[in-house]
Amino acid sequence: MRSVKWLGSIAAVLFSFLGWNNALAQEKVETKEAVKARPKGTQKQKEGGPYREAAKTLFAAHAFEQAAISPDGKKVAWVEEVATKYRVPTGDTVVYVADSEGKGPAKRISAGVGDAIYAEGSVAWSPDSQKIAFLSDVVKKGQPQLYVSNAAGGPARKLTQLKGFLLSPGWSPDGTSIAFLFTENATRAAGPLVAETPETGEIKDVFFEQRLAVVEAGGSEAKQISPADMYVYEYDWSPDGKRFAVAAAHGNGDNNWYIAELYTLEAAGGEMKSIYKPPLQIVNPAWSPDGKQIAFIAGLMSDEGLTGNDIFTISASGGVLNE
């Protein structure tokens, strides 16, 4: 889920509009006798006016980046934003797991020890609902790595040692491998609205392609399996674990999301096969349970992440589009 990072801004506007600072100043300089001399209704309003109650409500709100229900439906994991007392985001996030029926307290899942806070998120349940894959920058701030932890708690196991940005881990249907999106040596997060890193020295036209990578859940060296000249935006494992459905485009990933095509890719890697070239934008590719169809959302969308329009299906081998 998208985090509600505008709470702090709303609160600031609210304070200014309703005279928060003036009210606080009044409360500090007025004597006890003056307060007692007020009519009872006025006193109550001054001590706890509507703006203060509204501020308390805003500051009590929690922002959630993601929630994921386990395949067996018995547990739920979520990623919660860490904020200051006044709900200003710190950039860190925490992962919790709880019983889906609310039995017992939530448990924190972390690659760290104790109560230390890091940027941890992008949770993905294993098919048997026993493990959770997630990203954490516990080793180096701003550099996420892939970890796996038992859903019941305990130490997390590190699966990658990479340089660059990692996103969207996803388990293979048999639970033996984990795929993720990886931008090797990236100097910043991907996206057309993210500020470019200042270039120095000889200026070159260099693209950092986000590729699909796979690592064994038991531990192995991560392998990038999509072509080096393709930017992968989203993916989904086929039910038999032998292929991927991929939304991708050639060239600069910041610019070309609008012309991304739907491809299939063998899990072992190799060339990607285009099965649909859309006239508009596509997102959220997903295989049918029998592995014969791929569904996706297509239509006119202004920016990546602002998903809308209609659901379509197409044969996994390509062909006629079905609405």
Protein backbone atom coordinates (compact mmCIF):
# COMPACT_ATOMS: atom_id res chain seq x y z
CA MET A 1 0.00 0.00 0.00
CA ARG A 2 1.14 3.49 -0.63
CA SER A 3 2.34 5.29 2.51
CA VAL A 4 0.44 8.35 3.66
CA LYS A 5 3.36 10.76 3.69
CA TRP A 6 1.20 13.85 3.48
CA LEU A 7 -0.01 13.61 7.09
CA GLY A 8 2.74 15.89 8.36
CA SER A 9 1.95 18.50 5.73
CA ILE A 10 -1.76 18.42 6.52
CA ALA A 11 -1.04 18.83 10.20
CA ALA A 12 1.23 21.81 9.51
CA VAL A 13 -1.43 23.54 7.42
CA LEU A 14 -4.05 22.76 10.05
CA PHE A 15 -1.97 24.31 12.82
CA SER A 16 -1.39 27.47 10.81
CA PHE A 17 -5.00 27.83 9.66
CA LEU A 18 -6.56 27.33 13.07
CA GLY A 19 -4.09 29.38 15.06
CA TRP A 20 -2.33 26.56 16.89
CA ASN A 21 0.67 28.67 17.83
CA ASN A 22 -1.47 31.54 19.09
CA ALA A 23 -3.55 29.19 21.18
CA LEU A 24 -0.46 27.65 22.76
CA ALA A 25 0.94 31.06 23.50
CA GLN A 26 -2.31 32.06 25.21
CA GLU A 27 -2.30 28.96 27.35
CA LYS A 28 1.26 29.67 28.52
CA VAL A 29 0.75 33.30 29.56
CA GLU A 30 -2.71 33.11 31.12
CA THR A 31 -2.86 32.77 34.89
CA LYS A 32 -4.74 30.04 36.71
CA GLU A 33 -7.19 32.66 37.95
CA ALA A 34 -7.94 33.77 34.38
CA VAL A 35 -8.57 30.20 33.32
CA LYS A 36 -10.90 29.59 36.26
CA ALA A 37 -12.76 32.82 35.51
CA ARG A 38 -13.77 31.66 32.04
CA PRO A 39 -17.23 30.21 31.46
CA LYS A 40 -17.08 26.41 31.72
CA GLY A 41 -17.83 25.83 28.05
CA THR A 42 -15.11 28.25 26.97
CA GLN A 43 -12.58 26.68 29.32
CA LYS A 44 -13.19 23.22 27.90
CA GLN A 45 -12.82 24.48 24.35
CA LYS A 46 -9.59 26.35 25.11
CA GLU A 47 -7.97 23.38 26.81
CA GLY A 48 -8.94 20.87 24.13
CA GLY A 49 -10.15 22.66 21.02
CA PRO A 50 -11.09 20.92 17.80
CA TYR A 51 -7.70 21.66 16.20
CA ARG A 52 -5.87 19.87 18.99
CA GLU A 53 -8.10 16.82 18.69
CA ALA A 54 -7.62 16.82 14.94
CA ALA A 55 -3.86 17.00 15.39
CA LYS A 56 -3.90 14.10 17.82
CA THR A 57 -5.85 12.04 15.31
CA LEU A 58 -3.39 12.83 12.52
CA PHE A 59 -0.36 12.08 14.65
CA ALA A 60 -1.87 8.79 15.81
CA ALA A 61 -2.25 7.52 12.24
CA HIS A 62 0.12 4.83 10.95
CA ALA A 63 1.27 4.54 7.34
CA PHE A 64 1.53 1.11 5.74
CA GLU A 65 3.53 0.37 2.59
CA GLN A 66 2.42 -3.21 2.07
CA ALA A 67 0.27 -6.03 3.46
CA ALA A 68 0.44 -9.69 2.44
CA ILE A 69 -1.75 -12.58 3.56
CA SER A 70 -0.05 -15.99 3.81
CA PRO A 71 -1.12 -18.60 1.22
CA ASP A 72 -2.93 -20.62 3.89
CA GLY A 73 -4.78 -17.50 5.05
CA LYS A 74 -3.74 -17.94 8.68
CA LYS A 75 -1.25 -15.07 8.97
CA VAL A 76 -0.72 -11.58 7.64
CA ALA A 77 2.55 -9.70 7.22
CA TRP A 78 2.79 -5.97 6.77
CA VAL A 79 5.35 -3.22 6.29
CA GLU A 80 4.90 -0.17 8.49
CA GLU A 81 6.54 3.20 8.04
CA VAL A 82 8.68 4.54 10.88
CA ALA A 83 7.95 8.18 11.68
CA THR A 84 8.87 10.78 14.26
CA LYS A 85 6.57 11.95 17.04
CA TYR A 86 4.95 14.35 14.58
CA ARG A 87 4.56 11.65 11.86
CA VAL A 88 7.45 12.83 9.71
CA PRO A 89 8.77 9.77 7.82
CA THR A 90 12.32 8.74 8.75
CA GLY A 91 12.86 6.63 5.63
CA ASP A 92 12.95 3.41 7.66
CA THR A 93 10.29 0.70 7.72
CA VAL A 94 9.56 -2.36 9.88
CA VAL A 95 8.00 -5.75 9.12
CA TYR A 96 5.41 -7.38 11.38
CA VAL A 97 3.59 -10.71 11.27
CA ALA A 98 0.38 -11.52 13.11
CA ASP A 99 -2.42 -14.05 13.20
CA SER A 100 -5.03 -13.12 10.60
CA GLU A 101 -7.79 -13.47 13.21
CA GLY A 102 -6.03 -11.18 15.66
CA LYS A 103 -5.02 -13.90 18.13
CA GLY A 104 -1.94 -12.84 20.05
CA PRO A 105 0.44 -9.91 19.55
CA ALA A 106 2.23 -9.10 16.31
CA LYS A 107 5.86 -10.22 15.94
CA ARG A 108 8.53 -8.16 14.28
CA ILE A 109 10.57 -9.81 11.50
CA SER A 110 14.03 -8.28 11.03
CA ALA A 111 17.50 -9.04 9.76
CA GLY A 112 18.91 -7.07 12.69
CA VAL A 113 19.04 -7.73 16.41
CA GLY A 114 17.26 -6.08 19.30
CA ASP A 115 15.14 -3.01 18.66
CA ALA A 116 17.38 -1.41 16.02
CA ILE A 117 15.48 0.10 13.09
CA TYR A 118 16.37 -0.28 9.42
CA ALA A 119 14.69 0.03 6.03
CA GLU A 120 13.03 -3.39 5.78
CA GLY A 121 10.12 -4.39 3.55
CA SER A 122 9.01 -5.93 0.23
CA VAL A 123 7.70 -9.05 1.98
CA ALA A 124 6.84 -12.25 0.10
CA TRP A 125 5.41 -15.44 1.63
CA SER A 126 6.78 -18.87 0.76
CA PRO A 127 4.20 -21.21 -0.83
CA ASP A 128 3.98 -23.28 2.39
CA SER A 129 3.34 -20.15 4.52
CA GLN A 130 6.31 -21.01 6.76
CA LYS A 131 8.87 -18.42 5.58
CA ILE A 132 9.01 -14.78 4.56
CA ALA A 133 11.44 -13.25 2.07
CA PHE A 134 12.12 -9.55 2.54
CA LEU A 135 14.64 -6.79 1.82
CA SER A 136 16.77 -5.11 4.50
CA ASP A 137 19.63 -2.59 4.60
CA VAL A 138 20.86 -3.86 7.97
CA VAL A 139 24.45 -4.25 6.71
CA LYS A 140 24.77 -0.95 4.84
CA LYS A 141 22.21 1.86 4.96
CA GLY A 142 20.60 2.41 1.60
CA GLN A 143 21.84 -0.90 0.18
CA PRO A 144 19.12 -3.55 0.48
CA GLN A 145 19.85 -7.26 0.41
CA LEU A 146 17.52 -10.25 0.25
CA TYR A 147 16.81 -12.20 3.45
CA VAL A 148 14.61 -15.13 4.45
CA SER A 149 13.15 -15.61 7.93
CA ASN A 150 10.82 -18.11 9.53
CA ALA A 151 7.37 -16.58 9.92
CA ALA A 152 7.39 -17.72 13.55
CA GLY A 153 10.48 -15.59 14.20
CA GLY A 154 14.16 -16.25 14.71
CA PRO A 155 17.32 -15.09 12.92
CA ALA A 156 17.05 -14.15 9.26
CA ARG A 157 19.28 -15.72 6.62
CA LYS A 158 21.00 -13.47 4.08
CA LEU A 159 20.76 -14.66 0.46
CA THR A 160 22.47 -11.90 -1.56
CA GLN A 161 25.56 -9.73 -1.52
CA LEU A 162 24.87 -7.31 -4.35
CA LYS A 163 25.56 -3.70 -5.25
CA GLY A 164 22.56 -1.84 -6.59
CA PHE A 165 18.81 -1.72 -6.04
CA LEU A 166 16.68 -4.77 -5.28
CA LEU A 167 12.88 -4.87 -5.52
CA SER A 168 9.88 -7.19 -5.46
CA PRO A 169 11.02 -10.63 -4.28
CA GLY A 170 8.75 -13.51 -5.28
CA TRP A 171 8.94 -17.23 -4.49
CA SER A 172 8.82 -19.92 -7.15
CA PRO A 173 5.72 -22.13 -6.90
CA ASP A 174 7.76 -25.03 -5.49
CA GLY A 175 9.46 -22.81 -2.91
CA THR A 176 13.01 -23.61 -4.05
CA SER A 177 13.91 -20.25 -5.64
CA ILE A 178 13.22 -16.55 -5.18
CA ALA A 179 13.09 -14.08 -8.04
CA PHE A 180 13.57 -10.33 -7.64
CA LEU A 181 14.19 -7.21 -9.70
CA PHE A 182 17.78 -5.97 -9.61
CA THR A 183 19.45 -2.84 -11.00
CA GLU A 184 23.17 -3.50 -10.79
CA ASN A 185 25.43 -0.61 -9.71
CA ALA A 186 22.49 1.80 -9.71
CA THR A 187 23.32 5.12 -8.08
CA ARG A 188 19.71 6.04 -7.35
CA ALA A 189 16.24 4.59 -7.20
CA ALA A 190 14.43 4.06 -10.50
CA GLY A 191 11.63 6.32 -11.69
CA PRO A 192 11.04 9.37 -13.90
CA LEU A 193 10.35 11.58 -10.87
CA VAL A 194 13.55 10.63 -9.00
CA ALA A 195 16.35 13.21 -9.18
CA GLU A 196 19.27 12.25 -11.41
CA THR A 197 22.67 11.68 -9.79
CA PRO A 198 25.01 14.56 -10.77
CA GLU A 199 27.53 13.39 -13.37
CA THR A 200 31.22 14.27 -13.20
CA GLY A 201 34.18 13.76 -15.51
CA GLU A 202 33.44 12.43 -18.99
CA ILE A 203 29.66 12.54 -19.49
CA LYS A 204 28.27 9.38 -21.08
CA ASP A 205 24.78 8.25 -21.96
CA VAL A 206 24.54 5.27 -19.57
CA PHE A 207 21.40 3.33 -18.67
CA PHE A 208 21.09 1.14 -15.61
CA GLU A 209 18.75 -1.65 -16.65
CA GLN A 210 16.50 -3.29 -14.07
CA ARG A 211 16.74 -7.01 -14.72
CA LEU A 212 15.06 -10.12 -13.40
CA ALA A 213 17.30 -12.17 -11.11
CA VAL A 214 16.87 -15.51 -9.34
CA VAL A 215 18.54 -17.01 -6.27
CA GLU A 216 18.02 -20.40 -4.65
CA ALA A 217 16.11 -20.20 -1.36
CA GLY A 218 18.69 -22.46 0.26
CA GLY A 219 21.52 -20.17 -0.76
CA SER A 220 23.46 -19.65 -3.99
CA GLU A 221 24.87 -16.87 -6.13
CA ALA A 222 22.14 -14.70 -7.61
CA LYS A 223 21.81 -14.96 -11.39
CA GLN A 224 20.42 -12.27 -13.69
CA ILE A 225 18.31 -14.06 -16.27
CA SER A 226 16.70 -11.35 -18.41
CA PRO A 227 18.64 -9.76 -21.31
CA ALA A 228 21.04 -6.97 -20.40
CA ASP A 229 19.37 -4.49 -22.79
CA MET A 230 15.84 -4.93 -21.37
CA TYR A 231 14.34 -3.02 -18.45
CA VAL A 232 11.93 -5.25 -16.52
CA TYR A 233 9.13 -3.46 -14.67
CA GLU A 234 7.06 -6.38 -13.35
CA TYR A 235 7.01 -10.15 -13.47
CA ASP A 236 5.05 -13.22 -12.40
CA TRP A 237 6.08 -16.87 -12.06
CA SER A 238 4.17 -19.39 -14.15
CA PRO A 239 2.33 -22.05 -12.08
CA ASP A 240 4.83 -24.74 -13.09
CA GLY A 241 7.79 -22.49 -12.25
CA LYS A 242 9.31 -22.86 -15.72
CA ARG A 243 8.58 -19.41 -17.13
CA PHE A 244 7.88 -15.82 -16.27
CA ALA A 245 5.39 -13.32 -17.60
CA VAL A 246 7.23 -10.01 -17.86
CA ALA A 247 6.36 -6.38 -18.59
CA ALA A 248 9.50 -4.86 -20.06
CA ALA A 249 10.94 -2.40 -22.58
CA HIS A 250 14.23 -1.72 -24.31
CA GLY A 251 16.38 1.22 -23.29
CA ASN A 252 15.98 3.75 -20.49
CA GLY A 253 13.59 2.42 -17.85
CA ASP A 254 12.68 5.91 -16.64
CA ASN A 255 11.29 6.84 -20.06
CA ASN A 256 9.96 3.66 -21.59
CA TRP A 257 7.39 2.31 -19.13
CA TYR A 258 4.78 3.86 -21.40
CA ILE A 259 5.73 1.56 -24.27
CA ALA A 260 6.46 -1.64 -22.32
CA GLU A 261 5.37 -4.92 -23.93
CA LEU A 262 4.25 -8.24 -22.48
CA TYR A 263 6.87 -10.98 -22.77
CA THR A 264 7.48 -14.52 -21.62
CA LEU A 265 10.89 -15.61 -20.37
CA GLU A 266 12.21 -19.07 -19.56
CA ALA A 267 13.19 -19.48 -15.89
CA ALA A 268 16.61 -20.65 -17.03
CA GLY A 269 17.11 -17.33 -18.83
CA GLY A 270 17.66 -16.47 -22.47
CA GLU A 271 15.77 -14.43 -25.03
CA MET A 272 12.39 -12.95 -24.19
CA LYS A 273 9.40 -13.62 -26.44
CA SER A 274 7.00 -10.71 -27.03
CA ILE A 275 3.41 -11.93 -26.94
CA TYR A 276 1.63 -8.57 -26.90
CA LYS A 277 2.59 -5.06 -28.00
CA PRO A 278 -0.05 -2.78 -26.47
CA PRO A 279 -1.21 0.52 -27.96
CA LEU A 280 -1.30 1.98 -24.43
CA GLN A 281 0.17 0.97 -21.05
CA ILE A 282 0.12 -2.44 -19.34
CA VAL A 283 0.67 -3.46 -15.70
CA ASN A 284 0.27 -6.38 -13.30
CA PRO A 285 0.87 -9.44 -15.49
CA ALA A 286 -0.50 -12.59 -13.81
CA TRP A 287 -0.70 -16.22 -14.92
CA SER A 288 -3.89 -18.24 -14.84
CA PRO A 289 -3.79 -21.28 -12.48
CA ASP A 290 -3.60 -23.68 -15.45
CA GLY A 291 -0.70 -21.75 -17.03
CA LYS A 292 -2.49 -21.25 -20.33
CA GLN A 293 -3.45 -17.57 -20.06
CA ILE A 294 -1.85 -14.35 -18.82
CA ALA A 295 -4.01 -11.57 -17.43
CA PHE A 296 -3.00 -7.91 -17.16
CA ILE A 297 -4.43 -4.41 -16.82
CA ALA A 298 -4.21 -2.18 -19.90
CA GLY A 299 -5.27 1.33 -20.79
CA LEU A 300 -4.23 4.97 -20.68
CA MET A 301 -2.26 5.59 -17.46
CA SER A 302 -0.39 8.80 -16.71
CA ASP A 303 2.42 7.36 -14.57
CA GLU A 304 3.79 4.09 -13.27
CA GLY A 305 1.92 3.12 -10.11
CA LEU A 306 -1.29 4.93 -11.06
CA THR A 307 -3.08 1.80 -12.22
CA GLY A 308 -6.51 1.82 -13.82
CA ASN A 309 -8.64 0.78 -16.79
CA ASP A 310 -9.59 -2.79 -17.85
CA ILE A 311 -8.44 -6.36 -17.32
CA PHE A 312 -7.50 -8.39 -20.39
CA THR A 313 -6.24 -11.92 -20.98
CA ILE A 314 -4.14 -13.41 -23.71
CA SER A 315 -2.85 -16.89 -24.47
CA ALA A 316 0.59 -17.53 -22.97
CA SER A 317 1.77 -18.18 -26.53
CA GLY A 318 0.28 -14.92 -27.82
CA GLY A 319 -2.63 -14.37 -30.14
CA VAL A 320 -6.01 -12.71 -29.78
CA LEU A 321 -6.64 -10.42 -26.82
CA ASN A 322 -9.65 -11.16 -24.63
CA GLU A 323 -11.40 -8.51 -22.53
